[in-house]
Amino acid sequence: MKVIVSERAEINLHKTADYIQKEFGQKAKKEFLQEIRHLIGLLTTNPYMWAIEPLLAEFPSTYRSFVVKRLSKIVYRIVDDCIEISDFWDCRRNPDALIAQLK
């Protein structure tokens, strides 16, 4: 399946990666980004392997998500034969603020 990354998801991913580099160093940032690439590779082969995101269950589209390194979450949906990565959440933030970003 083809993967499309929204601008918002890309910006949030870069912010998180920059924070990791600042706080933990270049090696930690590299490992984090490698983990992202690995998980997206798994996603392309089996897009339904992760659960429906409970915070977005009432949205018209079905959003799924998976956790990356315990503090971040990738939120995506399947549209036709594409995987659309809609957002990259920092799980330390208020859930209501994260949901509002997708409205």
PDB file of N, CA and C in Angstrom:
ATOM      1  N   MET A   1       0.837  -1.189   0.000  1.00  0.00           N
ATOM      2  CA  MET A   1       0.000   0.000   0.000  1.00  0.00           C
ATOM      3  C   MET A   1       0.879   1.249   0.000  1.00  0.00           C
ATOM      4  N   LYS A   2       0.363   2.263  -0.604  1.00  0.00           N
ATOM      5  CA  LYS A   2       1.053   3.551  -0.638  1.00  0.00           C
ATOM      6  C   LYS A   2       0.813   4.288   0.681  1.00  0.00           C
ATOM      7  N   VAL A   3       1.844   4.958   1.191  1.00  0.00           N
ATOM      8  CA  VAL A   3       1.738   5.722   2.432  1.00  0.00           C
ATOM      9  C   VAL A   3       1.822   7.208   2.109  1.00  0.00           C
ATOM     10  N   ILE A   4       0.854   7.957   2.606  1.00  0.00           N
ATOM     11  CA  ILE A   4       0.825   9.408   2.457  1.00  0.00           C
ATOM     12  C   ILE A   4       0.925  10.005   3.860  1.00  0.00           C
ATOM     13  N   VAL A   5       1.844  10.940   4.037  1.00  0.00           N
ATOM     14  CA  VAL A   5       2.039  11.581   5.341  1.00  0.00           C
ATOM     15  C   VAL A   5       1.542  13.018   5.252  1.00  0.00           C
ATOM     16  N   SER A   6       0.629  13.389   6.143  1.00  0.00           N
ATOM     17  CA  SER A   6       0.109  14.761   6.140  1.00  0.00           C
ATOM     18  C   SER A   6       1.207  15.719   6.581  1.00  0.00           C
ATOM     19  N   GLU A   7       1.050  16.958   6.196  1.00  0.00           N
ATOM     20  CA  GLU A   7       2.020  17.990   6.578  1.00  0.00           C
ATOM     21  C   GLU A   7       2.087  18.123   8.104  1.00  0.00           C
ATOM     22  N   ARG A   8       0.936  18.073   8.757  1.00  0.00           N
ATOM     23  CA  ARG A   8       0.882  18.188  10.213  1.00  0.00           C
ATOM     24  C   ARG A   8       1.657  17.051  10.875  1.00  0.00           C
ATOM     25  N   ALA A   9       1.485  15.829  10.376  1.00  0.00           N
ATOM     26  CA  ALA A   9       2.195  14.678  10.946  1.00  0.00           C
ATOM     27  C   ALA A   9       3.700  14.831  10.765  1.00  0.00           C
ATOM     28  N   GLU A  10       4.102  15.289   9.593  1.00  0.00           N
ATOM     29  CA  GLU A  10       5.525  15.466   9.325  1.00  0.00           C
ATOM     30  C   GLU A  10       6.138  16.536  10.233  1.00  0.00           C
ATOM     31  N   ILE A  11       5.435  17.639  10.403  1.00  0.00           N
ATOM     32  CA  ILE A  11       5.924  18.717  11.284  1.00  0.00           C
ATOM     33  C   ILE A  11       6.054  18.215  12.717  1.00  0.00           C
ATOM     34  N   ASN A  12       5.028  17.517  13.208  1.00  0.00           N
ATOM     35  CA  ASN A  12       5.056  17.010  14.583  1.00  0.00           C
ATOM     36  C   ASN A  12       6.144  15.954  14.781  1.00  0.00           C
ATOM     37  N   LEU A  13       6.366  15.127  13.771  1.00  0.00           N
ATOM     38  CA  LEU A  13       7.435  14.135  13.848  1.00  0.00           C
ATOM     39  C   LEU A  13       8.796  14.821  13.958  1.00  0.00           C
ATOM     40  N   HIS A  14       9.015  15.846  13.131  1.00  0.00           N
ATOM     41  CA  HIS A  14      10.292  16.561  13.178  1.00  0.00           C
ATOM     42  C   HIS A  14      10.489  17.289  14.515  1.00  0.00           C
ATOM     43  N   LYS A  15       9.426  17.850  15.044  1.00  0.00           N
ATOM     44  CA  LYS A  15       9.525  18.505  16.358  1.00  0.00           C
ATOM     45  C   LYS A  15       9.945  17.502  17.430  1.00  0.00           C
ATOM     46  N   THR A  16       9.339  16.326  17.398  1.00  0.00           N
ATOM     47  CA  THR A  16       9.672  15.291  18.381  1.00  0.00           C
ATOM     48  C   THR A  16      11.109  14.813  18.201  1.00  0.00           C
ATOM     49  N   ALA A  17      11.514  14.583  16.963  1.00  0.00           N
ATOM     50  CA  ALA A  17      12.881  14.133  16.694  1.00  0.00           C
ATOM     51  C   ALA A  17      13.898  15.182  17.138  1.00  0.00           C
ATOM     52  N   ASP A  18      13.600  16.452  16.899  1.00  0.00           N
ATOM     53  CA  ASP A  18      14.501  17.525  17.338  1.00  0.00           C
ATOM     54  C   ASP A  18      14.585  17.591  18.858  1.00  0.00           C
ATOM     55  N   TYR A  19      13.457  17.391  19.524  1.00  0.00           N
ATOM     56  CA  TYR A  19      13.443  17.375  20.990  1.00  0.00           C
ATOM     57  C   TYR A  19      14.304  16.217  21.514  1.00  0.00           C
ATOM     58  N   ILE A  20      14.150  15.051  20.911  1.00  0.00           N
ATOM     59  CA  ILE A  20      14.935  13.888  21.337  1.00  0.00           C
ATOM     60  C   ILE A  20      16.429  14.164  21.158  1.00  0.00           C
ATOM     61  N   GLN A  21      16.784  14.774  20.041  1.00  0.00           N
ATOM     62  CA  GLN A  21      18.196  15.092  19.813  1.00  0.00           C
ATOM     63  C   GLN A  21      18.714  16.071  20.864  1.00  0.00           C
ATOM     64  N   LYS A  22      17.927  17.086  21.158  1.00  0.00           N
ATOM     65  CA  LYS A  22      18.333  18.101  22.131  1.00  0.00           C
ATOM     66  C   LYS A  22      18.516  17.501  23.530  1.00  0.00           C
ATOM     67  N   GLU A  23      17.580  16.646  23.928  1.00  0.00           N
ATOM     68  CA  GLU A  23      17.592  16.102  25.285  1.00  0.00           C
ATOM     69  C   GLU A  23      18.461  14.855  25.453  1.00  0.00           C
ATOM     70  N   PHE A  24      18.549  14.034  24.385  1.00  0.00           N
ATOM     71  CA  PHE A  24      19.197  12.730  24.532  1.00  0.00           C
ATOM     72  C   PHE A  24      20.333  12.467  23.546  1.00  0.00           C
ATOM     73  N   GLY A  25      20.498  13.345  22.566  1.00  0.00           N
ATOM     74  CA  GLY A  25      21.605  13.203  21.643  1.00  0.00           C
ATOM     75  C   GLY A  25      21.226  12.661  20.272  1.00  0.00           C
ATOM     76  N   GLN A  26      22.197  12.755  19.375  1.00  0.00           N
ATOM     77  CA  GLN A  26      22.002  12.362  17.977  1.00  0.00           C
ATOM     78  C   GLN A  26      21.707  10.864  17.847  1.00  0.00           C
ATOM     79  N   LYS A  27      22.370  10.038  18.636  1.00  0.00           N
ATOM     80  CA  LYS A  27      22.158   8.586  18.553  1.00  0.00           C
ATOM     81  C   LYS A  27      20.705   8.228  18.896  1.00  0.00           C
ATOM     82  N   ALA A  28      20.162   8.842  19.925  1.00  0.00           N
ATOM     83  CA  ALA A  28      18.767   8.581  20.321  1.00  0.00           C
ATOM     84  C   ALA A  28      17.809   9.010  19.210  1.00  0.00           C
ATOM     85  N   LYS A  29      18.096  10.144  18.583  1.00  0.00           N
ATOM     86  CA  LYS A  29      17.246  10.612  17.478  1.00  0.00           C
ATOM     87  C   LYS A  29      17.292   9.620  16.325  1.00  0.00           C
ATOM     88  N   LYS A  30      18.481   9.140  16.001  1.00  0.00           N
ATOM     89  CA  LYS A  30      18.639   8.183  14.904  1.00  0.00           C
ATOM     90  C   LYS A  30      17.860   6.894  15.197  1.00  0.00           C
ATOM     91  N   GLU A  31      17.975   6.381  16.432  1.00  0.00           N
ATOM     92  CA  GLU A  31      17.247   5.170  16.817  1.00  0.00           C
ATOM     93  C   GLU A  31      15.735   5.382  16.751  1.00  0.00           C
ATOM     94  N   PHE A  32      15.292   6.549  17.176  1.00  0.00           N
ATOM     95  CA  PHE A  32      13.864   6.885  17.128  1.00  0.00           C
ATOM     96  C   PHE A  32      13.359   6.864  15.685  1.00  0.00           C
ATOM     97  N   LEU A  33      14.089   7.508  14.784  1.00  0.00           N
ATOM     98  CA  LEU A  33      13.669   7.560  13.376  1.00  0.00           C
ATOM     99  C   LEU A  33      13.746   6.189  12.718  1.00  0.00           C
ATOM    100  N   GLN A  34      14.706   5.360  13.111  1.00  0.00           N
ATOM    101  CA  GLN A  34      14.776   3.988  12.597  1.00  0.00           C
ATOM    102  C   GLN A  34      13.560   3.187  13.043  1.00  0.00           C
ATOM    103  N   GLU A  35      13.146   3.383  14.280  1.00  0.00           N
ATOM    104  CA  GLU A  35      11.956   2.703  14.792  1.00  0.00           C
ATOM    105  C   GLU A  35      10.712   3.129  14.010  1.00  0.00           C
ATOM    106  N   ILE A  36      10.609   4.417  13.705  1.00  0.00           N
ATOM    107  CA  ILE A  36       9.481   4.920  12.905  1.00  0.00           C
ATOM    108  C   ILE A  36       9.461   4.231  11.538  1.00  0.00           C
ATOM    109  N   ARG A  37      10.612   4.194  10.873  1.00  0.00           N
ATOM    110  CA  ARG A  37      10.690   3.557   9.546  1.00  0.00           C
ATOM    111  C   ARG A  37      10.303   2.076   9.628  1.00  0.00           C
ATOM    112  N   HIS A  38      10.774   1.394  10.659  1.00  0.00           N
ATOM    113  CA  HIS A  38      10.454  -0.025  10.831  1.00  0.00           C
ATOM    114  C   HIS A  38       8.941  -0.227  11.002  1.00  0.00           C
ATOM    115  N   LEU A  39       8.330   0.567  11.869  1.00  0.00           N
ATOM    116  CA  LEU A  39       6.895   0.429  12.132  1.00  0.00           C
ATOM    117  C   LEU A  39       6.054   0.791  10.912  1.00  0.00           C
ATOM    118  N   ILE A  40       6.476   1.783  10.158  1.00  0.00           N
ATOM    119  CA  ILE A  40       5.745   2.131   8.932  1.00  0.00           C
ATOM    120  C   ILE A  40       5.894   1.012   7.907  1.00  0.00           C
ATOM    121  N   GLY A  41       7.055   0.356   7.879  1.00  0.00           N
ATOM    122  CA  GLY A  41       7.220  -0.812   7.012  1.00  0.00           C
ATOM    123  C   GLY A  41       6.238  -1.916   7.378  1.00  0.00           C
ATOM    124  N   LEU A  42       6.074  -2.169   8.672  1.00  0.00           N
ATOM    125  CA  LEU A  42       5.078  -3.151   9.125  1.00  0.00           C
ATOM    126  C   LEU A  42       3.668  -2.716   8.735  1.00  0.00           C
ATOM    127  N   LEU A  43       3.410  -1.432   8.869  1.00  0.00           N
ATOM    128  CA  LEU A  43       2.099  -0.884   8.537  1.00  0.00           C
ATOM    129  C   LEU A  43       1.746  -1.126   7.074  1.00  0.00           C
ATOM    130  N   THR A  44       2.706  -0.968   6.177  1.00  0.00           N
ATOM    131  CA  THR A  44       2.422  -1.136   4.749  1.00  0.00           C
ATOM    132  C   THR A  44       2.087  -2.582   4.400  1.00  0.00           C
ATOM    133  N   THR A  45       2.633  -3.535   5.148  1.00  0.00           N
ATOM    134  CA  THR A  45       2.345  -4.931   4.842  1.00  0.00           C
ATOM    135  C   THR A  45       1.062  -5.425   5.510  1.00  0.00           C
ATOM    136  N   ASN A  46       0.683  -4.796   6.612  1.00  0.00           N
ATOM    137  CA  ASN A  46      -0.533  -5.200   7.310  1.00  0.00           C
ATOM    138  C   ASN A  46      -1.179  -3.984   7.975  1.00  0.00           C
ATOM    139  N   PRO A  47      -1.901  -3.180   7.209  1.00  0.00           N
ATOM    140  CA  PRO A  47      -2.438  -1.923   7.745  1.00  0.00           C
ATOM    141  C   PRO A  47      -3.491  -2.077   8.833  1.00  0.00           C
ATOM    142  N   TYR A  48      -4.068  -3.242   8.983  1.00  0.00           N
ATOM    143  CA  TYR A  48      -5.109  -3.433   9.997  1.00  0.00           C
ATOM    144  C   TYR A  48      -4.566  -4.042  11.287  1.00  0.00           C
ATOM    145  N   MET A  49      -3.254  -4.133  11.420  1.00  0.00           N
ATOM    146  CA  MET A  49      -2.686  -4.812  12.586  1.00  0.00           C
ATOM    147  C   MET A  49      -2.816  -4.014  13.876  1.00  0.00           C
ATOM    148  N   TRP A  50      -2.991  -2.705  13.796  1.00  0.00           N
ATOM    149  CA  TRP A  50      -3.117  -1.902  15.005  1.00  0.00           C
ATOM    150  C   TRP A  50      -4.574  -1.546  15.259  1.00  0.00           C
ATOM    151  N   ALA A  51      -4.873  -1.259  16.492  1.00  0.00           N
ATOM    152  CA  ALA A  51      -6.253  -1.067  16.941  1.00  0.00           C
ATOM    153  C   ALA A  51      -6.836   0.267  16.479  1.00  0.00           C
ATOM    154  N   ILE A  52      -8.145   0.305  16.469  1.00  0.00           N
ATOM    155  CA  ILE A  52      -8.866   1.548  16.200  1.00  0.00           C
ATOM    156  C   ILE A  52      -8.593   2.491  17.373  1.00  0.00           C
ATOM    157  N   GLU A  53      -8.303   3.741  17.054  1.00  0.00           N
ATOM    158  CA  GLU A  53      -7.980   4.743  18.084  1.00  0.00           C
ATOM    159  C   GLU A  53      -9.249   5.082  18.859  1.00  0.00           C
ATOM    160  N   PRO A  54      -9.313   4.749  20.153  1.00  0.00           N
ATOM    161  CA  PRO A  54     -10.540   4.977  20.926  1.00  0.00           C
ATOM    162  C   PRO A  54     -10.910   6.447  21.068  1.00  0.00           C
ATOM    163  N   LEU A  55      -9.939   7.343  21.085  1.00  0.00           N
ATOM    164  CA  LEU A  55     -10.250   8.774  21.211  1.00  0.00           C
ATOM    165  C   LEU A  55     -10.933   9.326  19.960  1.00  0.00           C
ATOM    166  N   LEU A  56     -10.803   8.608  18.842  1.00  0.00           N
ATOM    167  CA  LEU A  56     -11.382   9.082  17.581  1.00  0.00           C
ATOM    168  C   LEU A  56     -12.496   8.162  17.076  1.00  0.00           C
ATOM    169  N   ALA A  57     -13.026   7.340  17.939  1.00  0.00           N
ATOM    170  CA  ALA A  57     -14.037   6.357  17.546  1.00  0.00           C
ATOM    171  C   ALA A  57     -15.310   6.993  16.989  1.00  0.00           C
ATOM    172  N   GLU A  58     -15.619   8.216  17.376  1.00  0.00           N
ATOM    173  CA  GLU A  58     -16.851   8.864  16.923  1.00  0.00           C
ATOM    174  C   GLU A  58     -16.667   9.632  15.619  1.00  0.00           C
ATOM    175  N   PHE A  59     -15.452   9.674  15.078  1.00  0.00           N
ATOM    176  CA  PHE A  59     -15.204  10.356  13.808  1.00  0.00           C
ATOM    177  C   PHE A  59     -15.816   9.542  12.667  1.00  0.00           C
ATOM    178  N   PRO A  60     -16.198  10.201  11.570  1.00  0.00           N
ATOM    179  CA  PRO A  60     -16.775   9.469  10.440  1.00  0.00           C
ATOM    180  C   PRO A  60     -15.795   8.469   9.819  1.00  0.00           C
ATOM    181  N   SER A  61     -14.522   8.827   9.747  1.00  0.00           N
ATOM    182  CA  SER A  61     -13.500   7.905   9.243  1.00  0.00           C
ATOM    183  C   SER A  61     -12.987   7.055  10.401  1.00  0.00           C
ATOM    184  N   THR A  62     -12.544   5.855  10.078  1.00  0.00           N
ATOM    185  CA  THR A  62     -11.960   4.985  11.096  1.00  0.00           C
ATOM    186  C   THR A  62     -10.472   5.269  11.184  1.00  0.00           C
ATOM    187  N   TYR A  63     -10.059   5.768  12.337  1.00  0.00           N
ATOM    188  CA  TYR A  63      -8.642   6.043  12.575  1.00  0.00           C
ATOM    189  C   TYR A  63      -8.064   4.916  13.414  1.00  0.00           C
ATOM    190  N   ARG A  64      -6.850   4.543  13.093  1.00  0.00           N
ATOM    191  CA  ARG A  64      -6.093   3.551  13.849  1.00  0.00           C
ATOM    192  C   ARG A  64      -4.837   4.225  14.362  1.00  0.00           C
ATOM    193  N   SER A  65      -4.184   3.608  15.331  1.00  0.00           N
ATOM    194  CA  SER A  65      -2.966   4.220  15.853  1.00  0.00           C
ATOM    195  C   SER A  65      -2.056   3.161  16.451  1.00  0.00           C
ATOM    196  N   PHE A  66      -0.797   3.529  16.582  1.00  0.00           N
ATOM    197  CA  PHE A  66       0.162   2.690  17.286  1.00  0.00           C
ATOM    198  C   PHE A  66       1.168   3.569  18.000  1.00  0.00           C
ATOM    199  N   VAL A  67       1.670   3.053  19.104  1.00  0.00           N
ATOM    200  CA  VAL A  67       2.582   3.797  19.969  1.00  0.00           C
ATOM    201  C   VAL A  67       4.015   3.560  19.515  1.00  0.00           C
ATOM    202  N   VAL A  68       4.792   4.652  19.553  1.00  0.00           N
ATOM    203  CA  VAL A  68       6.208   4.608  19.209  1.00  0.00           C
ATOM    204  C   VAL A  68       6.989   5.055  20.440  1.00  0.00           C
ATOM    205  N   LYS A  69       7.828   4.199  20.960  1.00  0.00           N
ATOM    206  CA  LYS A  69       8.702   4.534  22.092  1.00  0.00           C
ATOM    207  C   LYS A  69       7.946   5.064  23.309  1.00  0.00           C
ATOM    208  N   ARG A  70       6.774   4.609  23.559  1.00  0.00           N
ATOM    209  CA  ARG A  70       5.955   4.887  24.747  1.00  0.00           C
ATOM    210  C   ARG A  70       5.471   6.322  24.900  1.00  0.00           C
ATOM    211  N   LEU A  71       6.024   7.282  24.185  1.00  0.00           N
ATOM    212  CA  LEU A  71       5.624   8.676  24.364  1.00  0.00           C
ATOM    213  C   LEU A  71       4.972   9.294  23.137  1.00  0.00           C
ATOM    214  N   SER A  72       4.970   8.591  22.034  1.00  0.00           N
ATOM    215  CA  SER A  72       4.429   9.136  20.791  1.00  0.00           C
ATOM    216  C   SER A  72       3.476   8.119  20.166  1.00  0.00           C
ATOM    217  N   LYS A  73       2.590   8.639  19.341  1.00  0.00           N
ATOM    218  CA  LYS A  73       1.608   7.782  18.691  1.00  0.00           C
ATOM    219  C   LYS A  73       1.414   8.250  17.253  1.00  0.00           C
ATOM    220  N   ILE A  74       1.409   7.310  16.331  1.00  0.00           N
ATOM    221  CA  ILE A  74       1.100   7.618  14.938  1.00  0.00           C
ATOM    222  C   ILE A  74      -0.368   7.287  14.714  1.00  0.00           C
ATOM    223  N   VAL A  75      -1.099   8.270  14.201  1.00  0.00           N
ATOM    224  CA  VAL A  75      -2.531   8.124  13.932  1.00  0.00           C
ATOM    225  C   VAL A  75      -2.704   8.085  12.416  1.00  0.00           C
ATOM    226  N   TYR A  76      -3.407   7.064  11.936  1.00  0.00           N
ATOM    227  CA  TYR A  76      -3.573   6.909  10.495  1.00  0.00           C
ATOM    228  C   TYR A  76      -4.964   6.384  10.172  1.00  0.00           C
ATOM    229  N   ARG A  77      -5.286   6.476   8.900  1.00  0.00           N
ATOM    230  CA  ARG A  77      -6.525   5.882   8.410  1.00  0.00           C
ATOM    231  C   ARG A  77      -6.251   5.270   7.047  1.00  0.00           C
ATOM    232  N   ILE A  78      -7.102   4.358   6.662  1.00  0.00           N
ATOM    233  CA  ILE A  78      -6.954   3.689   5.373  1.00  0.00           C
ATOM    234  C   ILE A  78      -8.022   4.249   4.451  1.00  0.00           C
ATOM    235  N   VAL A  79      -7.577   4.817   3.349  1.00  0.00           N
ATOM    236  CA  VAL A  79      -8.475   5.409   2.368  1.00  0.00           C
ATOM    237  C   VAL A  79      -8.193   4.736   1.038  1.00  0.00           C
ATOM    238  N   ASP A  80      -9.177   3.977   0.545  1.00  0.00           N
ATOM    239  CA  ASP A  80      -9.034   3.181  -0.673  1.00  0.00           C
ATOM    240  C   ASP A  80      -7.819   2.268  -0.523  1.00  0.00           C
ATOM    241  N   ASP A  81      -6.808   2.441  -1.358  1.00  0.00           N
ATOM    242  CA  ASP A  81      -5.617   1.590  -1.268  1.00  0.00           C
ATOM    243  C   ASP A  81      -4.410   2.377  -0.758  1.00  0.00           C
ATOM    244  N   CYS A  82      -4.677   3.420   0.033  1.00  0.00           N
ATOM    245  CA  CYS A  82      -3.612   4.248   0.601  1.00  0.00           C
ATOM    246  C   CYS A  82      -3.721   4.276   2.128  1.00  0.00           C
ATOM    247  N   ILE A  83      -2.573   4.395   2.756  1.00  0.00           N
ATOM    248  CA  ILE A  83      -2.512   4.621   4.197  1.00  0.00           C
ATOM    249  C   ILE A  83      -2.172   6.083   4.386  1.00  0.00           C
ATOM    250  N   GLU A  84      -3.058   6.798   5.041  1.00  0.00           N
ATOM    251  CA  GLU A  84      -2.851   8.231   5.278  1.00  0.00           C
ATOM    252  C   GLU A  84      -2.458   8.431   6.735  1.00  0.00           C
ATOM    253  N   ILE A  85      -1.203   8.806   6.954  1.00  0.00           N
ATOM    254  CA  ILE A  85      -0.761   9.130   8.310  1.00  0.00           C
ATOM    255  C   ILE A  85      -1.234  10.552   8.581  1.00  0.00           C
ATOM    256  N   SER A  86      -2.221  10.662   9.451  1.00  0.00           N
ATOM    257  CA  SER A  86      -2.902  11.930   9.685  1.00  0.00           C
ATOM    258  C   SER A  86      -2.201  12.809  10.700  1.00  0.00           C
ATOM    259  N   ASP A  87      -1.618  12.174  11.733  1.00  0.00           N
ATOM    260  CA  ASP A  87      -0.979  12.976  12.767  1.00  0.00           C
ATOM    261  C   ASP A  87       0.033  12.133  13.528  1.00  0.00           C
ATOM    262  N   PHE A  88       0.901  12.832  14.201  1.00  0.00           N
ATOM    263  CA  PHE A  88       1.911  12.230  15.061  1.00  0.00           C
ATOM    264  C   PHE A  88       1.745  12.897  16.410  1.00  0.00           C
ATOM    265  N   TRP A  89       1.242  12.138  17.378  1.00  0.00           N
ATOM    266  CA  TRP A  89       0.886  12.710  18.664  1.00  0.00           C
ATOM    267  C   TRP A  89       1.986  12.539  19.697  1.00  0.00           C
ATOM    268  N   ASP A  90       2.156  13.570  20.490  1.00  0.00           N
ATOM    269  CA  ASP A  90       2.972  13.498  21.699  1.00  0.00           C
ATOM    270  C   ASP A  90       2.001  13.101  22.800  1.00  0.00           C
ATOM    271  N   CYS A  91       2.111  11.900  23.317  1.00  0.00           N
ATOM    272  CA  CYS A  91       1.135  11.365  24.268  1.00  0.00           C
ATOM    273  C   CYS A  91       1.164  12.046  25.630  1.00  0.00           C
ATOM    274  N   ARG A  92       2.084  12.969  25.828  1.00  0.00           N
ATOM    275  CA  ARG A  92       2.121  13.711  27.088  1.00  0.00           C
ATOM    276  C   ARG A  92       1.169  14.906  27.057  1.00  0.00           C
ATOM    277  N   ARG A  93       0.608  15.201  25.888  1.00  0.00           N
ATOM    278  CA  ARG A  93      -0.293  16.344  25.750  1.00  0.00           C
ATOM    279  C   ARG A  93      -1.720  15.976  26.132  1.00  0.00           C
ATOM    280  N   ASN A  94      -2.524  17.006  26.325  1.00  0.00           N
ATOM    281  CA  ASN A  94      -3.936  16.844  26.642  1.00  0.00           C
ATOM    282  C   ASN A  94      -4.633  16.147  25.467  1.00  0.00           C
ATOM    283  N   PRO A  95      -5.320  15.026  25.700  1.00  0.00           N
ATOM    284  CA  PRO A  95      -5.996  14.317  24.608  1.00  0.00           C
ATOM    285  C   PRO A  95      -7.005  15.176  23.850  1.00  0.00           C
ATOM    286  N   ASP A  96      -7.693  16.070  24.546  1.00  0.00           N
ATOM    287  CA  ASP A  96      -8.671  16.931  23.862  1.00  0.00           C
ATOM    288  C   ASP A  96      -7.988  17.833  22.829  1.00  0.00           C
ATOM    289  N   ALA A  97      -6.809  18.319  23.148  1.00  0.00           N
ATOM    290  CA  ALA A  97      -6.059  19.154  22.199  1.00  0.00           C
ATOM    291  C   ALA A  97      -5.606  18.341  21.001  1.00  0.00           C
ATOM    292  N   LEU A  98      -5.232  17.110  21.223  1.00  0.00           N
ATOM    293  CA  LEU A  98      -4.811  16.248  20.111  1.00  0.00           C
ATOM    294  C   LEU A  98      -5.983  15.942  19.183  1.00  0.00           C
ATOM    295  N   ILE A  99      -7.133  15.645  19.757  1.00  0.00           N
ATOM    296  CA  ILE A  99      -8.321  15.360  18.960  1.00  0.00           C
ATOM    297  C   ILE A  99      -8.726  16.579  18.150  1.00  0.00           C
ATOM    298  N   ALA A 100      -8.650  17.753  18.738  1.00  0.00           N
ATOM    299  CA  ALA A 100      -9.043  18.986  18.061  1.00  0.00           C
ATOM    300  C   ALA A 100      -8.204  19.235  16.810  1.00  0.00           C
ATOM    301  N   GLN A 101      -6.987  18.749  16.782  1.00  0.00           N
ATOM    302  CA  GLN A 101      -6.128  18.935  15.608  1.00  0.00           C
ATOM    303  C   GLN A 101      -6.695  18.218  14.373  1.00  0.00           C
ATOM    304  N   LEU A 102      -7.424  17.152  14.570  1.00  0.00           N
ATOM    305  CA  LEU A 102      -7.946  16.368  13.437  1.00  0.00           C
ATOM    306  C   LEU A 102      -9.333  16.822  12.975  1.00  0.00           C
ATOM    307  N   LYS A 103      -9.941  17.707  13.720  1.00  0.00           N
ATOM    308  CA  LYS A 103     -11.294  18.174  13.342  1.00  0.00           C
ATOM    309  C   LYS A 103     -11.207  19.194  12.238  1.00  0.00           C
TER     310      LYS A 103
END
